[in-house]
N, C-alpha and C. Protein backbone atom coordinates (compact mmCIF):
# COMPACT_ATOMS: atom_id res chain seq x y z
N MET A 1 2.77 -30.58 18.75
CA MET A 1 0.77 -29.94 18.00
C MET A 1 1.29 -32.17 17.50
N LYS A 2 -0.04 -32.18 18.03
CA LYS A 2 -0.26 -34.15 17.35
C LYS A 2 -1.17 -33.85 16.34
N VAL A 3 -0.28 -34.39 15.06
CA VAL A 3 -1.29 -34.46 14.03
C VAL A 3 -2.29 -35.53 14.33
N THR A 4 -3.66 -35.43 13.95
CA THR A 4 -4.84 -36.58 13.60
C THR A 4 -4.99 -36.60 13.00
N LYS A 5 -6.27 -38.07 12.66
CA LYS A 5 -6.49 -39.28 11.64
C LYS A 5 -6.85 -38.51 10.34
N ALA A 6 -7.73 -37.94 10.64
CA ALA A 6 -8.46 -36.77 8.90
C ALA A 6 -6.86 -35.84 8.90
N GLU A 7 -6.07 -35.96 9.08
CA GLU A 7 -5.32 -34.67 8.18
C GLU A 7 -3.81 -35.28 7.38
N VAL A 8 -3.36 -37.00 8.72
CA VAL A 8 -2.89 -37.97 7.89
C VAL A 8 -3.83 -38.89 6.96
N ILE A 9 -4.68 -38.29 6.63
CA ILE A 9 -5.34 -39.63 5.45
C ILE A 9 -5.26 -38.43 4.32
N TRP A 10 -5.01 -37.20 4.88
CA TRP A 10 -5.77 -36.09 3.45
C TRP A 10 -4.68 -36.00 2.71
N LEU A 11 -3.50 -36.27 3.40
CA LEU A 11 -1.80 -36.05 3.63
C LEU A 11 -1.74 -37.01 2.40
N VAL A 12 -1.74 -38.45 3.16
CA VAL A 12 -1.60 -39.88 2.35
C VAL A 12 -2.73 -39.59 1.28
N LEU A 13 -4.17 -39.00 0.90
CA LEU A 13 -4.58 -39.47 -0.56
C LEU A 13 -4.30 -38.53 -1.12
N THR A 14 -3.39 -37.29 -0.13
CA THR A 14 -2.75 -36.08 -2.03
C THR A 14 -1.32 -36.02 -1.90
N ILE A 15 -0.77 -37.23 -1.78
CA ILE A 15 0.43 -37.45 -2.65
C ILE A 15 0.52 -39.09 -3.41
N VAL A 16 -0.87 -39.38 -2.84
CA VAL A 16 -1.41 -40.92 -3.90
C VAL A 16 -1.74 -40.20 -4.60
N PHE A 17 -2.63 -39.42 -5.19
CA PHE A 17 -3.73 -38.55 -6.43
C PHE A 17 -2.16 -37.99 -7.23
N TYR A 18 -1.65 -37.13 -6.45
CA TYR A 18 -0.54 -35.99 -6.69
C TYR A 18 0.14 -37.23 -7.61
N PHE A 19 0.79 -38.42 -7.04
CA PHE A 19 2.30 -39.25 -7.61
C PHE A 19 0.75 -39.93 -8.74
N LEU A 20 -0.10 -40.42 -8.85
CA LEU A 20 -0.81 -40.83 -10.33
C LEU A 20 -1.01 -39.80 -11.76
N TYR A 21 -1.02 -38.48 -10.54
CA TYR A 21 -1.26 -38.04 -12.08
C TYR A 21 -0.13 -36.84 -12.58
N ASN A 22 1.13 -37.53 -11.94
CA ASN A 22 2.56 -37.00 -12.30
C ASN A 22 3.12 -38.85 -13.36
N LEU A 23 2.30 -40.03 -13.57
CA LEU A 23 3.43 -40.61 -13.89
C LEU A 23 3.64 -40.32 -14.97
N PRO A 24 4.64 -40.64 -15.28
CA PRO A 24 4.99 -40.65 -17.00
C PRO A 24 4.74 -41.56 -18.37
N GLY A 25 4.15 -40.99 -18.80
CA GLY A 25 3.91 -41.31 -20.26
C GLY A 25 2.52 -41.94 -20.55
N VAL A 26 1.93 -41.49 -18.72
CA VAL A 26 -0.02 -41.20 -18.84
C VAL A 26 -0.83 -40.23 -18.54
N PRO A 27 -1.19 -40.26 -19.71
CA PRO A 27 -1.85 -41.17 -21.04
C PRO A 27 -0.49 -40.77 -21.78
N ALA A 28 -0.79 -41.24 -22.80
CA ALA A 28 -0.05 -41.33 -24.04
C ALA A 28 -0.46 -40.10 -24.62
N TYR A 29 1.20 -39.72 -25.34
CA TYR A 29 0.70 -38.55 -26.36
C TYR A 29 -0.04 -38.76 -27.33
N TYR A 30 -0.98 -37.25 -27.24
CA TYR A 30 -1.97 -37.51 -28.88
C TYR A 30 -3.03 -37.77 -28.47
N ASP A 31 -2.82 -38.48 -27.17
CA ASP A 31 -4.56 -39.26 -26.93
C ASP A 31 -5.37 -38.70 -26.03
N GLN A 32 -5.92 -38.24 -26.75
CA GLN A 32 -7.41 -36.94 -25.97
C GLN A 32 -8.48 -37.76 -25.48
N VAL A 33 -8.75 -39.00 -25.66
CA VAL A 33 -9.85 -39.66 -24.73
C VAL A 33 -8.91 -39.54 -23.10
N GLY A 34 -7.96 -40.28 -23.77
CA GLY A 34 -6.79 -41.00 -22.32
C GLY A 34 -6.74 -39.36 -21.65
N ALA A 35 -6.53 -38.25 -22.74
CA ALA A 35 -6.56 -37.47 -21.74
C ALA A 35 -6.94 -36.69 -20.46
N MET A 36 -8.51 -37.08 -21.35
CA MET A 36 -10.16 -36.41 -20.35
C MET A 36 -10.24 -37.44 -19.45
N VAL A 37 -9.86 -38.74 -19.36
CA VAL A 37 -10.01 -40.17 -18.04
C VAL A 37 -8.99 -39.18 -17.52
N HIS A 38 -8.14 -39.20 -17.36
CA HIS A 38 -6.76 -39.22 -16.67
C HIS A 38 -6.90 -38.02 -15.79
N ALA A 39 -7.44 -37.02 -15.87
CA ALA A 39 -7.99 -35.60 -15.68
C ALA A 39 -9.13 -36.39 -14.70
N ILE A 40 -9.90 -36.69 -15.60
CA ILE A 40 -11.52 -37.36 -14.69
C ILE A 40 -10.91 -37.76 -13.24
N ALA A 41 -10.03 -39.07 -13.90
CA ALA A 41 -9.64 -39.57 -12.66
C ALA A 41 -8.66 -39.13 -11.66
N THR A 42 -7.94 -38.19 -11.65
CA THR A 42 -6.80 -37.60 -11.20
C THR A 42 -6.82 -36.21 -10.92
N VAL A 43 -7.15 -35.03 -11.43
CA VAL A 43 -7.02 -34.84 -11.32
C VAL A 43 -8.17 -33.91 -10.13
N GLY A 44 -9.10 -34.39 -10.89
CA GLY A 44 -10.86 -33.97 -9.85
C GLY A 44 -11.01 -34.40 -8.55
N PRO A 45 -10.23 -35.54 -8.66
CA PRO A 45 -10.50 -36.24 -7.28
C PRO A 45 -9.01 -35.32 -5.98
N LEU A 46 -8.51 -34.75 -6.67
CA LEU A 46 -7.38 -34.25 -5.82
C LEU A 46 -7.47 -33.05 -5.54
N TRP A 47 -7.96 -32.26 -6.84
CA TRP A 47 -8.53 -30.72 -6.06
C TRP A 47 -9.94 -31.32 -5.21
N VAL A 48 -10.82 -31.79 -4.83
CA VAL A 48 -11.93 -32.72 -4.13
C VAL A 48 -11.29 -32.68 -2.66
N ILE A 49 -10.24 -33.67 -3.19
CA ILE A 49 -9.46 -34.16 -1.45
C ILE A 49 -8.61 -32.46 -0.83
N VAL A 50 -7.99 -31.72 -1.77
CA VAL A 50 -6.91 -30.35 -1.29
C VAL A 50 -8.26 -29.80 -0.64
N PHE A 51 -9.49 -29.85 -0.94
CA PHE A 51 -10.64 -28.18 -0.76
C PHE A 51 -11.49 -28.50 0.82
N VAL A 52 -11.63 -30.40 0.94
CA VAL A 52 -12.21 -30.79 1.16
C VAL A 52 -11.34 -31.20 2.89
N GLY A 53 -9.84 -31.92 2.62
CA GLY A 53 -8.76 -31.42 4.26
C GLY A 53 -8.34 -29.98 4.28
N THR A 54 -8.90 -29.32 3.32
CA THR A 54 -8.40 -27.76 4.02
C THR A 54 -9.37 -27.25 5.17
N LYS A 55 -10.98 -27.31 4.39
CA LYS A 55 -12.04 -27.22 4.94
C LYS A 55 -11.64 -28.05 6.36
N ILE A 56 -11.83 -28.97 6.30
CA ILE A 56 -11.75 -29.86 7.89
C ILE A 56 -10.51 -29.43 8.70
N VAL A 57 -9.37 -29.56 8.29
CA VAL A 57 -7.91 -28.77 8.93
C VAL A 57 -8.59 -27.33 9.25
N TYR A 58 -9.31 -27.27 8.94
CA TYR A 58 -9.49 -25.01 9.48
C TYR A 58 -10.75 -25.54 10.32
N LYS A 59 -12.10 -26.09 10.34
CA LYS A 59 -12.71 -26.76 10.94
C LYS A 59 -11.59 -26.89 12.64
N LYS A 60 -11.28 -27.52 12.39
CA LYS A 60 -10.30 -27.98 13.95
C LYS A 60 -9.24 -26.78 14.53
N TYR A 61 -8.25 -26.14 12.94
CA TYR A 61 -7.16 -25.21 13.74
C TYR A 61 -8.58 -23.31 13.17
N GLU A 62 -9.04 -23.01 13.57
CA GLU A 62 -9.30 -21.86 13.91
C GLU A 62 -8.22 -20.44 13.57
N LEU A 63 -8.08 -19.47 12.64
CA LEU A 63 -7.30 -19.47 11.77
C LEU A 63 -7.70 -18.36 13.26
N ARG A 64 -6.25 -17.52 13.16
CA ARG A 64 -6.30 -16.01 13.79
C ARG A 64 -6.74 -14.91 13.47
N LYS A 65 -7.31 -14.14 14.23
CA LYS A 65 -8.11 -12.15 13.65
C LYS A 65 -6.98 -11.73 13.56
N GLU A 66 -6.67 -11.34 12.58
CA GLU A 66 -5.28 -10.03 12.01
C GLU A 66 -5.48 -8.71 13.44
N GLY A 67 -3.81 -8.59 13.51
CA GLY A 67 -3.92 -7.39 13.74
C GLY A 67 -4.38 -7.46 15.59
N GLY A 68 -3.91 -6.47 16.14
CA GLY A 68 -4.96 -6.41 17.63
C GLY A 68 -3.59 -7.82 18.33
N ASN A 69 -3.86 -7.10 20.05
CA ASN A 69 -3.27 -8.27 20.77
C ASN A 69 -4.09 -9.50 21.03
N GLN A 70 -4.03 -10.43 20.97
CA GLN A 70 -4.84 -11.97 21.09
C GLN A 70 -4.78 -12.19 22.72
């Protein structure tokens, strides 16, 4: 199976935003505004990247139907 360019981009973006989300000490403890900015800047895009990438991959590789001989 060959990995497509879209899958590589999806994987790289997911890893980058996951790394940014898990930076130690960001945001600082008890910084409520920083926590909201951090969430909007990392968690939001991470969710969008995962769901859009999943849709793109499932469009290319259709799921097999359950049961029966195919």
